[in-house]
PDB file of N, CA and C in Angstrom:
ATOM      1  N   UNK A   1     106.863  75.644 120.005  1.00  0.00           N
ATOM      2  CA  UNK A   1     107.584  76.771 120.562  1.00  0.00           C
ATOM      3  C   UNK A   1     107.367  76.810 122.066  1.00  0.00           C
ATOM      4  N   UNK A   2     108.386  77.163 122.772  1.00  0.00           N
ATOM      5  CA  UNK A   2     108.230  77.296 124.209  1.00  0.00           C
ATOM      6  C   UNK A   2     107.921  78.741 124.572  1.00  0.00           C
ATOM      7  N   UNK A   3     107.603  78.962 125.808  1.00  0.00           N
ATOM      8  CA  UNK A   3     107.168  80.285 126.255  1.00  0.00           C
ATOM      9  C   UNK A   3     108.277  81.321 126.125  1.00  0.00           C
ATOM     10  N   UNK A   4     109.522  80.903 126.275  1.00  0.00           N
ATOM     11  CA  UNK A   4     110.630  81.852 126.156  1.00  0.00           C
ATOM     12  C   UNK A   4     110.708  82.406 124.736  1.00  0.00           C
ATOM     13  N   UNK A   5     110.508  81.555 123.748  1.00  0.00           N
ATOM     14  CA  UNK A   5     110.501  82.014 122.360  1.00  0.00           C
ATOM     15  C   UNK A   5     109.346  82.973 122.098  1.00  0.00           C
ATOM     16  N   UNK A   6     108.187  82.647 122.641  1.00  0.00           N
ATOM     17  CA  UNK A   6     107.022  83.512 122.435  1.00  0.00           C
ATOM     18  C   UNK A   6     107.203  84.865 123.121  1.00  0.00           C
ATOM     19  N   UNK A   7     107.763  84.861 124.318  1.00  0.00           N
ATOM     20  CA  UNK A   7     108.042  86.115 125.011  1.00  0.00           C
ATOM     21  C   UNK A   7     109.066  86.934 124.233  1.00  0.00           C
ATOM     22  N   UNK A   8     110.083  86.266 123.691  1.00  0.00           N
ATOM     23  CA  UNK A   8     111.092  86.970 122.896  1.00  0.00           C
ATOM     24  C   UNK A   8     110.460  87.607 121.661  1.00  0.00           C
ATOM     25  N   UNK A   9     109.588  86.870 120.986  1.00  0.00           N
ATOM     26  CA  UNK A   9     108.898  87.424 119.817  1.00  0.00           C
ATOM     27  C   UNK A   9     108.083  88.652 120.237  1.00  0.00           C
ATOM     28  N   UNK A  10     107.375  88.543 121.338  1.00  0.00           N
ATOM     29  CA  UNK A  10     106.567  89.659 121.818  1.00  0.00           C
ATOM     30  C   UNK A  10     107.395  90.880 122.167  1.00  0.00           C
ATOM     31  N   UNK A  11     108.493  90.671 122.884  1.00  0.00           N
ATOM     32  CA  UNK A  11     109.337  91.792 123.273  1.00  0.00           C
ATOM     33  C   UNK A  11     110.019  92.450 122.069  1.00  0.00           C
ATOM     34  N   UNK A  12     110.514  91.633 121.157  1.00  0.00           N
ATOM     35  CA  UNK A  12     111.151  92.175 119.953  1.00  0.00           C
ATOM     36  C   UNK A  12     110.130  92.963 119.130  1.00  0.00           C
ATOM     37  N   UNK A  13     108.946  92.423 118.997  1.00  0.00           N
ATOM     38  CA  UNK A  13     107.903  93.125 118.238  1.00  0.00           C
ATOM     39  C   UNK A  13     107.525  94.432 118.929  1.00  0.00           C
ATOM     40  N   UNK A  14     107.460  94.430 120.257  1.00  0.00           N
ATOM     41  CA  UNK A  14     107.109  95.659 120.980  1.00  0.00           C
ATOM     42  C   UNK A  14     108.172  96.734 120.791  1.00  0.00           C
ATOM     43  N   UNK A  15     109.430  96.356 120.925  1.00  0.00           N
ATOM     44  CA  UNK A  15     110.518  97.325 120.745  1.00  0.00           C
ATOM     45  C   UNK A  15     110.549  97.817 119.300  1.00  0.00           C
ATOM     46  N   UNK A  16     110.420  96.917 118.364  1.00  0.00           N
ATOM     47  CA  UNK A  16     110.406  97.293 116.950  1.00  0.00           C
ATOM     48  C   UNK A  16     109.228  98.212 116.644  1.00  0.00           C
ATOM     49  N   UNK A  17     108.089  97.919 117.226  1.00  0.00           N
ATOM     50  CA  UNK A  17     106.901  98.743 117.017  1.00  0.00           C
ATOM     51  C   UNK A  17     107.107 100.156 117.557  1.00  0.00           C
ATOM     52  N   UNK A  18     107.727 100.260 118.718  1.00  0.00           N
ATOM     53  CA  UNK A  18     107.990 101.583 119.310  1.00  0.00           C
ATOM     54  C   UNK A  18     108.955 102.382 118.442  1.00  0.00           C
ATOM     55  N   UNK A  19     109.992 101.724 117.952  1.00  0.00           N
ATOM     56  CA  UNK A  19     110.972 102.407 117.113  1.00  0.00           C
ATOM     57  C   UNK A  19     110.350 102.837 115.785  1.00  0.00           C
ATOM     58  N   UNK A  20     109.608 101.936 115.159  1.00  0.00           N
ATOM     59  CA  UNK A  20     108.987 102.232 113.865  1.00  0.00           C
ATOM     60  C   UNK A  20     107.916 103.310 113.999  1.00  0.00           C
ATOM     61  N   UNK A  21     107.231 103.332 115.139  1.00  0.00           N
ATOM     62  CA  UNK A  21     106.149 104.302 115.357  1.00  0.00           C
ATOM     63  C   UNK A  21     106.640 105.742 115.239  1.00  0.00           C
ATOM     64  N   UNK A  22     107.904 105.975 115.557  1.00  0.00           N
ATOM     65  CA  UNK A  22     108.465 107.320 115.470  1.00  0.00           C
ATOM     66  C   UNK A  22     108.579 107.793 114.018  1.00  0.00           C
ATOM     67  N   UNK A  23     108.824 106.870 113.102  1.00  0.00           N
ATOM     68  CA  UNK A  23     109.057 107.241 111.706  1.00  0.00           C
ATOM     69  C   UNK A  23     107.844 106.960 110.819  1.00  0.00           C
ATOM     70  N   UNK A  24     107.241 105.805 110.983  1.00  0.00           N
ATOM     71  CA  UNK A  24     106.076 105.400 110.182  1.00  0.00           C
ATOM     72  C   UNK A  24     105.029 104.778 111.106  1.00  0.00           C
ATOM     73  N   UNK A  25     104.188 105.593 111.705  1.00  0.00           N
ATOM     74  CA  UNK A  25     103.218 105.049 112.679  1.00  0.00           C
ATOM     75  C   UNK A  25     102.277 104.003 112.099  1.00  0.00           C
ATOM     76  N   UNK A  26     101.977 104.097 110.806  1.00  0.00           N
ATOM     77  CA  UNK A  26     101.045 103.134 110.212  1.00  0.00           C
ATOM     78  C   UNK A  26     101.619 101.723 110.158  1.00  0.00           C
ATOM     79  N   UNK A  27     102.933 101.587 110.116  1.00  0.00           N
ATOM     80  CA  UNK A  27     103.553 100.267 110.081  1.00  0.00           C
ATOM     81  C   UNK A  27     103.622  99.621 111.460  1.00  0.00           C
ATOM     82  N   UNK A  28     103.495 100.410 112.482  1.00  0.00           N
ATOM     83  CA  UNK A  28     103.544  99.893 113.842  1.00  0.00           C
ATOM     84  C   UNK A  28     102.404  98.900 114.100  1.00  0.00           C
ATOM     85  N   UNK A  29     101.247  99.186 113.545  1.00  0.00           N
ATOM     86  CA  UNK A  29     100.098  98.296 113.716  1.00  0.00           C
ATOM     87  C   UNK A  29     100.354  96.959 113.031  1.00  0.00           C
ATOM     88  N   UNK A  30     100.976  97.003 111.868  1.00  0.00           N
ATOM     89  CA  UNK A  30     101.265  95.758 111.142  1.00  0.00           C
ATOM     90  C   UNK A  30     102.234  94.870 111.918  1.00  0.00           C
ATOM     91  N   UNK A  31     103.205  95.474 112.560  1.00  0.00           N
ATOM     92  CA  UNK A  31     104.159  94.706 113.367  1.00  0.00           C
ATOM     93  C   UNK A  31     103.431  94.056 114.545  1.00  0.00           C
ATOM     94  N   UNK A  32     102.588  94.829 115.188  1.00  0.00           N
ATOM     95  CA  UNK A  32     101.821  94.300 116.315  1.00  0.00           C
ATOM     96  C   UNK A  32     100.901  93.168 115.873  1.00  0.00           C
ATOM     97  N   UNK A  33     100.240  93.342 114.760  1.00  0.00           N
ATOM     98  CA  UNK A  33      99.341  92.318 114.234  1.00  0.00           C
ATOM     99  C   UNK A  33     100.100  91.045 113.863  1.00  0.00           C
ATOM    100  N   UNK A  34     101.228  91.196 113.190  1.00  0.00           N
ATOM    101  CA  UNK A  34     102.023  90.029 112.789  1.00  0.00           C
ATOM    102  C   UNK A  34     102.530  89.261 114.013  1.00  0.00           C
ATOM    103  N   UNK A  35     102.988  89.985 115.016  1.00  0.00           N
ATOM    104  CA  UNK A  35     103.465  89.323 116.233  1.00  0.00           C
ATOM    105  C   UNK A  35     102.319  88.614 116.941  1.00  0.00           C
ATOM    106  N   UNK A  36     101.168  89.259 117.016  1.00  0.00           N
ATOM    107  CA  UNK A  36     100.011  88.645 117.666  1.00  0.00           C
ATOM    108  C   UNK A  36      99.555  87.387 116.967  1.00  0.00           C
ATOM    109  N   UNK A  37      99.506  87.415 115.649  1.00  0.00           N
ATOM    110  CA  UNK A  37      99.088  86.239 114.886  1.00  0.00           C
ATOM    111  C   UNK A  37     100.108  85.115 115.033  1.00  0.00           C
ATOM    112  N   UNK A  38     101.381  85.457 115.023  1.00  0.00           N
ATOM    113  CA  UNK A  38     102.434  84.449 115.184  1.00  0.00           C
ATOM    114  C   UNK A  38     102.339  83.774 116.554  1.00  0.00           C
ATOM    115  N   UNK A  39     102.165  84.575 117.583  1.00  0.00           N
ATOM    116  CA  UNK A  39     102.063  84.025 118.933  1.00  0.00           C
ATOM    117  C   UNK A  39     100.794  83.185 119.074  1.00  0.00           C
ATOM    118  N   UNK A  40      99.689  83.658 118.514  1.00  0.00           N
ATOM    119  CA  UNK A  40      98.437  82.903 118.575  1.00  0.00           C
ATOM    120  C   UNK A  40      98.556  81.576 117.827  1.00  0.00           C
ATOM    121  N   UNK A  41      99.197  81.592 116.663  1.00  0.00           N
ATOM    122  CA  UNK A  41      99.376  80.355 115.894  1.00  0.00           C
ATOM    123  C   UNK A  41     100.221  79.348 116.671  1.00  0.00           C
ATOM    124  N   UNK A  42     101.266  79.834 117.332  1.00  0.00           N
ATOM    125  CA  UNK A  42     102.103  78.944 118.137  1.00  0.00           C
ATOM    126  C   UNK A  42     101.323  78.377 119.315  1.00  0.00           C
ATOM    127  N   UNK A  43     100.488  79.192 119.911  1.00  0.00           N
ATOM    128  CA  UNK A  43      99.681  78.719 121.039  1.00  0.00           C
ATOM    129  C   UNK A  43      98.662  77.678 120.588  1.00  0.00           C
ATOM    130  N   UNK A  44      98.056  77.889 119.433  1.00  0.00           N
ATOM    131  CA  UNK A  44      97.088  76.920 118.906  1.00  0.00           C
ATOM    132  C   UNK A  44      97.783  75.595 118.589  1.00  0.00           C
ATOM    133  N   UNK A  45      98.979  75.682 118.019  1.00  0.00           N
ATOM    134  CA  UNK A  45      99.723  74.464 117.718  1.00  0.00           C
ATOM    135  C   UNK A  45     100.085  73.709 119.000  1.00  0.00           C
ATOM    136  N   UNK A  46     100.361  74.440 120.064  1.00  0.00           N
ATOM    137  CA  UNK A  46     100.728  73.801 121.324  1.00  0.00           C
ATOM    138  C   UNK A  46      99.524  73.191 122.031  1.00  0.00           C
ATOM    139  N   UNK A  47      98.354  73.718 121.770  1.00  0.00           N
ATOM    140  CA  UNK A  47      97.166  73.237 122.473  1.00  0.00           C
ATOM    141  C   UNK A  47      96.550  72.003 121.820  1.00  0.00           C
ATOM    142  N   UNK A  48      96.894  71.708 120.585  1.00  0.00           N
ATOM    143  CA  UNK A  48      96.300  70.575 119.871  1.00  0.00           C
ATOM    144  C   UNK A  48      96.473  69.254 120.621  1.00  0.00           C
ATOM    145  N   UNK A  49      97.664  68.913 121.116  1.00  0.00           N
ATOM    146  CA  UNK A  49      97.775  67.653 121.879  1.00  0.00           C
ATOM    147  C   UNK A  49      96.920  67.659 123.146  1.00  0.00           C
ATOM    148  N   UNK A  50      96.758  68.818 123.754  1.00  0.00           N
ATOM    149  CA  UNK A  50      95.937  68.903 124.959  1.00  0.00           C
ATOM    150  C   UNK A  50      94.471  68.613 124.634  1.00  0.00           C
ATOM    151  N   UNK A  51      94.020  69.025 123.472  1.00  0.00           N
ATOM    152  CA  UNK A  51      92.637  68.762 123.075  1.00  0.00           C
ATOM    153  C   UNK A  51      92.381  67.271 122.943  1.00  0.00           C
ATOM    154  N   UNK A  52      93.355  66.542 122.420  1.00  0.00           N
ATOM    155  CA  UNK A  52      93.222  65.086 122.334  1.00  0.00           C
ATOM    156  C   UNK A  52      93.127  64.456 123.720  1.00  0.00           C
ATOM    157  N   UNK A  53      93.935  64.943 124.657  1.00  0.00           N
ATOM    158  CA  UNK A  53      93.884  64.435 126.031  1.00  0.00           C
ATOM    159  C   UNK A  53      92.540  64.739 126.682  1.00  0.00           C
ATOM    160  N   UNK A  54      92.030  65.938 126.457  1.00  0.00           N
ATOM    161  CA  UNK A  54      90.736  66.314 127.017  1.00  0.00           C
ATOM    162  C   UNK A  54      89.638  65.439 126.436  1.00  0.00           C
ATOM    163  N   UNK A  55      89.723  65.159 125.144  1.00  0.00           N
ATOM    164  CA  UNK A  55      88.726  64.307 124.497  1.00  0.00           C
ATOM    165  C   UNK A  55      88.742  62.907 125.095  1.00  0.00           C
ATOM    166  N   UNK A  56      89.919  62.336 125.297  1.00  0.00           N
ATOM    167  CA  UNK A  56      90.027  61.012 125.901  1.00  0.00           C
ATOM    168  C   UNK A  56      89.510  61.012 127.338  1.00  0.00           C
ATOM    169  N   UNK A  57      89.801  62.077 128.068  1.00  0.00           N
ATOM    170  CA  UNK A  57      89.355  62.176 129.455  1.00  0.00           C
ATOM    171  C   UNK A  57      87.836  62.242 129.542  1.00  0.00           C
ATOM    172  N   UNK A  58      87.215  63.030 128.687  1.00  0.00           N
ATOM    173  CA  UNK A  58      85.753  63.139 128.728  1.00  0.00           C
ATOM    174  C   UNK A  58      85.086  61.831 128.333  1.00  0.00           C
ATOM    175  N   UNK A  59      85.700  61.085 127.423  1.00  0.00           N
ATOM    176  CA  UNK A  59      85.137  59.785 127.046  1.00  0.00           C
ATOM    177  C   UNK A  59      85.242  58.792 128.196  1.00  0.00           C
ATOM    178  N   UNK A  60      86.347  58.829 128.925  1.00  0.00           N
ATOM    179  CA  UNK A  60      86.515  57.884 130.022  1.00  0.00           C
ATOM    180  C   UNK A  60      85.625  58.216 131.220  1.00  0.00           C
ATOM    181  N   UNK A  61      85.331  59.481 131.419  1.00  0.00           N
ATOM    182  CA  UNK A  61      84.503  59.906 132.545  1.00  0.00           C
ATOM    183  C   UNK A  61      83.031  59.967 132.149  1.00  0.00           C
ATOM    184  N   UNK A  62      82.763  59.886 130.877  1.00  0.00           N
ATOM    185  CA  UNK A  62      81.404  59.929 130.322  1.00  0.00           C
ATOM    186  C   UNK A  62      80.719  61.275 130.556  1.00  0.00           C
ATOM    187  N   UNK A  63      81.484  62.330 130.341  1.00  0.00           N
ATOM    188  CA  UNK A  63      80.918  63.678 130.380  1.00  0.00           C
ATOM    189  C   UNK A  63      80.375  63.972 128.987  1.00  0.00           C
ATOM    190  N   UNK A  64      79.232  64.612 128.939  1.00  0.00           N
ATOM    191  CA  UNK A  64      78.634  64.961 127.658  1.00  0.00           C
ATOM    192  C   UNK A  64      79.589  65.852 126.860  1.00  0.00           C
ATOM    193  N   UNK A  65      79.730  65.538 125.595  1.00  0.00           N
ATOM    194  CA  UNK A  65      80.632  66.290 124.732  1.00  0.00           C
ATOM    195  C   UNK A  65      80.221  67.730 124.545  1.00  0.00           C
ATOM    196  N   UNK A  66      78.953  68.023 124.780  1.00  0.00           N
ATOM    197  CA  UNK A  66      78.481  69.395 124.583  1.00  0.00           C
ATOM    198  C   UNK A  66      79.142  70.361 125.560  1.00  0.00           C
ATOM    199  N   UNK A  67      79.435  69.889 126.770  1.00  0.00           N
ATOM    200  CA  UNK A  67      80.058  70.758 127.759  1.00  0.00           C
ATOM    201  C   UNK A  67      81.470  71.152 127.334  1.00  0.00           C
ATOM    202  N   UNK A  68      82.231  70.189 126.899  1.00  0.00           N
ATOM    203  CA  UNK A  68      83.601  70.460 126.469  1.00  0.00           C
ATOM    204  C   UNK A  68      83.596  71.301 125.197  1.00  0.00           C
ATOM    205  N   UNK A  69      82.675  71.008 124.295  1.00  0.00           N
ATOM    206  CA  UNK A  69      82.582  71.765 123.050  1.00  0.00           C
ATOM    207  C   UNK A  69      82.298  73.237 123.325  1.00  0.00           C
ATOM    208  N   UNK A  70      81.371  73.501 124.210  1.00  0.00           N
ATOM    209  CA  UNK A  70      81.040  74.888 124.560  1.00  0.00           C
ATOM    210  C   UNK A  70      82.227  75.567 125.224  1.00  0.00           C
ATOM    211  N   UNK A  71      82.904  74.855 126.113  1.00  0.00           N
ATOM    212  CA  UNK A  71      84.067  75.419 126.785  1.00  0.00           C
ATOM    213  C   UNK A  71      85.162  75.783 125.790  1.00  0.00           C
ATOM    214  N   UNK A  72      85.482  74.872 124.884  1.00  0.00           N
ATOM    215  CA  UNK A  72      86.554  75.129 123.932  1.00  0.00           C
ATOM    216  C   UNK A  72      86.191  76.228 122.938  1.00  0.00           C
ATOM    217  N   UNK A  73      84.939  76.247 122.481  1.00  0.00           N
ATOM    218  CA  UNK A  73      84.515  77.319 121.572  1.00  0.00           C
ATOM    219  C   UNK A  73      84.560  78.671 122.281  1.00  0.00           C
ATOM    220  N   UNK A  74      84.157  78.692 123.535  1.00  0.00           N
ATOM    221  CA  UNK A  74      84.192  79.944 124.287  1.00  0.00           C
ATOM    222  C   UNK A  74      85.625  80.439 124.473  1.00  0.00           C
ATOM    223  N   UNK A  75      86.529  79.520 124.779  1.00  0.00           N
ATOM    224  CA  UNK A  75      87.936  79.904 124.910  1.00  0.00           C
ATOM    225  C   UNK A  75      88.487  80.441 123.597  1.00  0.00           C
ATOM    226  N   UNK A  76      88.132  79.794 122.494  1.00  0.00           N
ATOM    227  CA  UNK A  76      88.593  80.261 121.185  1.00  0.00           C
ATOM    228  C   UNK A  76      88.062  81.663 120.889  1.00  0.00           C
ATOM    229  N   UNK A  77      86.799  81.889 121.183  1.00  0.00           N
ATOM    230  CA  UNK A  77      86.224  83.223 120.972  1.00  0.00           C
ATOM    231  C   UNK A  77      86.951  84.257 121.828  1.00  0.00           C
ATOM    232  N   UNK A  78      87.220  83.916 123.070  1.00  0.00           N
ATOM    233  CA  UNK A  78      87.917  84.840 123.964  1.00  0.00           C
ATOM    234  C   UNK A  78      89.299  85.220 123.434  1.00  0.00           C
ATOM    235  N   UNK A  79      90.071  84.218 123.061  1.00  0.00           N
ATOM    236  CA  UNK A  79      91.432  84.491 122.617  1.00  0.00           C
ATOM    237  C   UNK A  79      91.471  85.246 121.299  1.00  0.00           C
ATOM    238  N   UNK A  80      90.673  84.834 120.348  1.00  0.00           N
ATOM    239  CA  UNK A  80      90.683  85.489 119.040  1.00  0.00           C
ATOM    240  C   UNK A  80      90.156  86.915 119.145  1.00  0.00           C
ATOM    241  N   UNK A  81      89.069  87.082 119.882  1.00  0.00           N
ATOM    242  CA  UNK A  81      88.525  88.434 120.006  1.00  0.00           C
ATOM    243  C   UNK A  81      89.455  89.336 120.809  1.00  0.00           C
ATOM    244  N   UNK A  82      90.125  88.801 121.816  1.00  0.00           N
ATOM    245  CA  UNK A  82      91.070  89.617 122.580  1.00  0.00           C
ATOM    246  C   UNK A  82      92.221  90.087 121.705  1.00  0.00           C
ATOM    247  N   UNK A  83      92.683  89.242 120.796  1.00  0.00           N
ATOM    248  CA  UNK A  83      93.721  89.644 119.853  1.00  0.00           C
ATOM    249  C   UNK A  83      93.230  90.797 118.984  1.00  0.00           C
ATOM    250  N   UNK A  84      92.025  90.671 118.447  1.00  0.00           N
ATOM    251  CA  UNK A  84      91.468  91.728 117.603  1.00  0.00           C
ATOM    252  C   UNK A  84      91.228  93.009 118.396  1.00  0.00           C
ATOM    253  N   UNK A  85      90.743  92.877 119.614  1.00  0.00           N
ATOM    254  CA  UNK A  85      90.500  94.047 120.462  1.00  0.00           C
ATOM    255  C   UNK A  85      91.794  94.777 120.765  1.00  0.00           C
ATOM    256  N   UNK A  86      92.846  94.036 121.084  1.00  0.00           N
ATOM    257  CA  UNK A  86      94.134  94.657 121.373  1.00  0.00           C
ATOM    258  C   UNK A  86      94.699  95.374 120.154  1.00  0.00           C
ATOM    259  N   UNK A  87      94.545  94.782 118.979  1.00  0.00           N
ATOM    260  CA  UNK A  87      95.025  95.435 117.763  1.00  0.00           C
ATOM    261  C   UNK A  87      94.249  96.730 117.524  1.00  0.00           C
ATOM    262  N   UNK A  88      92.950  96.690 117.727  1.00  0.00           N
ATOM    263  CA  UNK A  88      92.136  97.903 117.560  1.00  0.00           C
ATOM    264  C   UNK A  88      92.556  98.985 118.547  1.00  0.00           C
ATOM    265  N   UNK A  89      92.783  98.593 119.801  1.00  0.00           N
ATOM    266  CA  UNK A  89      93.200  99.578 120.804  1.00  0.00           C
ATOM    267  C   UNK A  89      94.572 100.148 120.473  1.00  0.00           C
ATOM    268  N   UNK A  90      95.488  99.287 119.999  1.00  0.00           N
ATOM    269  CA  UNK A  90      96.824  99.747 119.635  1.00  0.00           C
ATOM    270  C   UNK A  90      96.786 100.745 118.483  1.00  0.00           C
ATOM    271  N   UNK A  91      95.828 100.563 117.588  1.00  0.00           N
ATOM    272  CA  UNK A  91      95.735 101.476 116.449  1.00  0.00           C
ATOM    273  C   UNK A  91      94.873 102.696 116.770  1.00  0.00           C
ATOM    274  N   UNK A  92      94.389 102.807 118.003  1.00  0.00           N
ATOM    275  CA  UNK A  92      93.635 103.977 118.418  1.00  0.00           C
ATOM    276  C   UNK A  92      92.145 103.887 118.162  1.00  0.00           C
ATOM    277  N   UNK A  93      91.667 102.739 117.765  1.00  0.00           N
ATOM    278  CA  UNK A  93      90.246 102.548 117.469  1.00  0.00           C
ATOM    279  C   UNK A  93      89.538 101.921 118.668  1.00  0.00           C
ATOM    280  N   UNK A  94      89.401 102.701 119.737  1.00  0.00           N
ATOM    281  CA  UNK A  94      88.796 102.169 120.952  1.00  0.00           C
ATOM    282  C   UNK A  94      87.301 101.910 120.791  1.00  0.00           C
ATOM    283  N   UNK A  95      86.641 102.665 119.933  1.00  0.00           N
ATOM    284  CA  UNK A  95      85.208 102.445 119.716  1.00  0.00           C
ATOM    285  C   UNK A  95      84.974 101.083 119.065  1.00  0.00           C
ATOM    286  N   UNK A  96      85.775 100.757 118.070  1.00  0.00           N
ATOM    287  CA  UNK A  96      85.660  99.453 117.414  1.00  0.00           C
ATOM    288  C   UNK A  96      86.015  98.346 118.399  1.00  0.00           C
ATOM    289  N   UNK A  97      87.037  98.573 119.210  1.00  0.00           N
ATOM    290  CA  UNK A  97      87.434  97.575 120.209  1.00  0.00           C
ATOM    291  C   UNK A  97      86.292  97.307 121.182  1.00  0.00           C
ATOM    292  N   UNK A  98      85.595  98.342 121.592  1.00  0.00           N
ATOM    293  CA  UNK A  98      84.464  98.164 122.495  1.00  0.00           C
ATOM    294  C   UNK A  98      83.345  97.359 121.868  1.00  0.00           C
ATOM    295  N   UNK A  99      83.085  97.611 120.589  1.00  0.00           N
ATOM    296  CA  UNK A  99      82.029  96.856 119.890  1.00  0.00           C
ATOM    297  C   UNK A  99      82.430  95.394 119.716  1.00  0.00           C
ATOM    298  N   UNK A 100      83.705  95.144 119.443  1.00  0.00           N
ATOM    299  CA  UNK A 100      84.184  93.764 119.333  1.00  0.00           C
ATOM    300  C   UNK A 100      84.056  93.031 120.661  1.00  0.00           C
ATOM    301  N   UNK A 101      84.350  93.737 121.728  1.00  0.00           N
ATOM    302  CA  UNK A 101      84.250  93.128 123.050  1.00  0.00           C
ATOM    303  C   UNK A 101      82.804  92.736 123.351  1.00  0.00           C
ATOM    304  N   UNK A 102      81.878  93.625 123.037  1.00  0.00           N
ATOM    305  CA  UNK A 102      80.471  93.326 123.264  1.00  0.00           C
ATOM    306  C   UNK A 102      80.015  92.160 122.380  1.00  0.00           C
ATOM    307  N   UNK A 103      80.434  92.161 121.113  1.00  0.00           N
ATOM    308  CA  UNK A 103      80.042  91.095 120.192  1.00  0.00           C
ATOM    309  C   UNK A 103      80.588  89.745 120.643  1.00  0.00           C
ATOM    310  N   UNK A 104      81.791  89.721 121.172  1.00  0.00           N
ATOM    311  CA  UNK A 104      82.353  88.453 121.628  1.00  0.00           C
ATOM    312  C   UNK A 104      81.607  87.924 122.853  1.00  0.00           C
ATOM    313  N   UNK A 105      81.172  88.803 123.725  1.00  0.00           N
ATOM    314  CA  UNK A 105      80.391  88.374 124.885  1.00  0.00           C
ATOM    315  C   UNK A 105      79.045  87.809 124.449  1.00  0.00           C
ATOM    316  N   UNK A 106      78.434  88.451 123.473  1.00  0.00           N
ATOM    317  CA  UNK A 106      77.153  87.959 122.959  1.00  0.00           C
ATOM    318  C   UNK A 106      77.339  86.596 122.296  1.00  0.00           C
ATOM    319  N   UNK A 107      78.441  86.422 121.565  1.00  0.00           N
ATOM    320  CA  UNK A 107      78.711  85.142 120.910  1.00  0.00           C
ATOM    321  C   UNK A 107      78.890  84.026 121.930  1.00  0.00           C
ATOM    322  N   UNK A 108      79.541  84.326 123.038  1.00  0.00           N
ATOM    323  CA  UNK A 108      79.729  83.316 124.087  1.00  0.00           C
ATOM    324  C   UNK A 108      78.394  82.940 124.718  1.00  0.00           C
ATOM    325  N   UNK A 109      77.541  83.909 124.945  1.00  0.00           N
ATOM    326  CA  UNK A 109      76.217  83.615 125.492  1.00  0.00           C
ATOM    327  C   UNK A 109      75.422  82.764 124.511  1.00  0.00           C
ATOM    328  N   UNK A 110      75.505  83.101 123.220  1.00  0.00           N
ATOM    329  CA  UNK A 110      74.775  82.327 122.205  1.00  0.00           C
ATOM    330  C   UNK A 110      75.256  80.882 122.148  1.00  0.00           C
ATOM    331  N   UNK A 111      76.550  80.682 122.281  1.00  0.00           N
ATOM    332  CA  UNK A 111      77.101  79.326 122.263  1.00  0.00           C
ATOM    333  C   UNK A 111      76.674  78.554 123.513  1.00  0.00           C
ATOM    334  N   UNK A 112      76.505  79.267 124.619  1.00  0.00           N
ATOM    335  CA  UNK A 112      76.175  78.630 125.891  1.00  0.00           C
ATOM    336  C   UNK A 112      74.701  78.282 126.048  1.00  0.00           C
ATOM    337  N   UNK A 113      73.847  78.698 125.155  1.00  0.00           N
ATOM    338  CA  UNK A 113      72.416  78.441 125.292  1.00  0.00           C
ATOM    339  C   UNK A 113      72.057  76.962 125.454  1.00  0.00           C
ATOM    340  N   UNK A 114      72.693  76.039 124.725  1.00  0.00           N
ATOM    341  CA  UNK A 114      72.365  74.626 124.962  1.00  0.00           C
ATOM    342  C   UNK A 114      72.643  74.180 126.405  1.00  0.00           C
ATOM    343  N   UNK A 115      73.677  74.732 127.022  1.00  0.00           N
ATOM    344  CA  UNK A 115      73.959  74.394 128.420  1.00  0.00           C
ATOM    345  C   UNK A 115      72.868  74.911 129.338  1.00  0.00           C
ATOM    346  N   UNK A 116      72.389  76.118 129.067  1.00  0.00           N
ATOM    347  CA  UNK A 116      71.297  76.660 129.870  1.00  0.00           C
ATOM    348  C   UNK A 116      70.042  75.808 129.718  1.00  0.00           C
ATOM    349  N   UNK A 117      69.776  75.342 128.503  1.00  0.00           N
ATOM    350  CA  UNK A 117      68.621  74.461 128.275  1.00  0.00           C
ATOM    351  C   UNK A 117      68.763  73.163 129.065  1.00  0.00           C
ATOM    352  N   UNK A 118      69.966  72.581 129.061  1.00  0.00           N
ATOM    353  CA  UNK A 118      70.204  71.357 129.843  1.00  0.00           C
ATOM    354  C   UNK A 118      70.014  71.614 131.331  1.00  0.00           C
ATOM    355  N   UNK A 119      70.494  72.743 131.798  1.00  0.00           N
ATOM    356  CA  UNK A 119      70.362  73.089 133.214  1.00  0.00           C
ATOM    357  C   UNK A 119      68.897  73.238 133.600  1.00  0.00           C
ATOM    358  N   UNK A 120      68.117  73.900 132.761  1.00  0.00           N
ATOM    359  CA  UNK A 120      66.684  74.060 133.036  1.00  0.00           C
ATOM    360  C   UNK A 120      66.002  72.701 133.056  1.00  0.00           C
ATOM    361  N   UNK A 121      66.367  71.811 132.131  1.00  0.00           N
ATOM    362  CA  UNK A 121      65.787  70.464 132.122  1.00  0.00           C
ATOM    363  C   UNK A 121      66.113  69.704 133.400  1.00  0.00           C
ATOM    364  N   UNK A 122      67.354  69.798 133.854  1.00  0.00           N
ATOM    365  CA  UNK A 122      67.769  69.101 135.079  1.00  0.00           C
ATOM    366  C   UNK A 122      67.015  69.648 136.284  1.00  0.00           C
ATOM    367  N   UNK A 123      66.910  70.965 136.365  1.00  0.00           N
ATOM    368  CA  UNK A 123      66.208  71.578 137.497  1.00  0.00           C
ATOM    369  C   UNK A 123      64.731  71.191 137.455  1.00  0.00           C
ATOM    370  N   UNK A 124      64.134  71.175 136.282  1.00  0.00           N
ATOM    371  CA  UNK A 124      62.727  70.786 136.141  1.00  0.00           C
ATOM    372  C   UNK A 124      62.515  69.357 136.586  1.00  0.00           C
ATOM    373  N   UNK A 125      63.417  68.452 136.225  1.00  0.00           N
ATOM    374  CA  UNK A 125      63.304  67.048 136.631  1.00  0.00           C
ATOM    375  C   UNK A 125      63.468  66.896 138.139  1.00  0.00           C
ATOM    376  N   UNK A 126      64.360  67.689 138.730  1.00  0.00           N
ATOM    377  CA  UNK A 126      64.554  67.614 140.176  1.00  0.00           C
ATOM    378  C   UNK A 126      63.339  68.134 140.940  1.00  0.00           C
ATOM    379  N   UNK A 127      62.694  69.127 140.406  1.00  0.00           N
ATOM    380  CA  UNK A 127      61.512  69.688 141.075  1.00  0.00           C
ATOM    381  C   UNK A 127      60.353  68.702 141.035  1.00  0.00           C
ATOM    382  N   UNK A 128      60.221  67.971 139.940  1.00  0.00           N
ATOM    383  CA  UNK A 128      59.125  66.991 139.810  1.00  0.00           C
ATOM    384  C   UNK A 128      59.435  65.826 140.688  1.00  0.00           C
TER     385      UNK A 128
END
């Protein structure tokens, strides 16, 4: 899917959600969720070839795979959690959205710990 199709899906879902919200507010969240999942699925499908290119590039440059792995996992956490946070905010659950935001930040830090360990090792070797 190209960006024009994704924007069209988003705009149609937004207008439909606004119209439905007047009559059945509980269905408005479902429309928003369905549109978000559809757009996210299309984005994931579009990124798959890029991941192969990144993998080939890191092999040719001899960059440790752990760096790319942490980067990609962090991006996935960001995108997925942002989708969930937006759905929570749209449904009026700002407290849950705040907790999800905090949990996603903690998850990114937890994933990044091996990089911090490598950095400490490098700095220790340079000091010696």
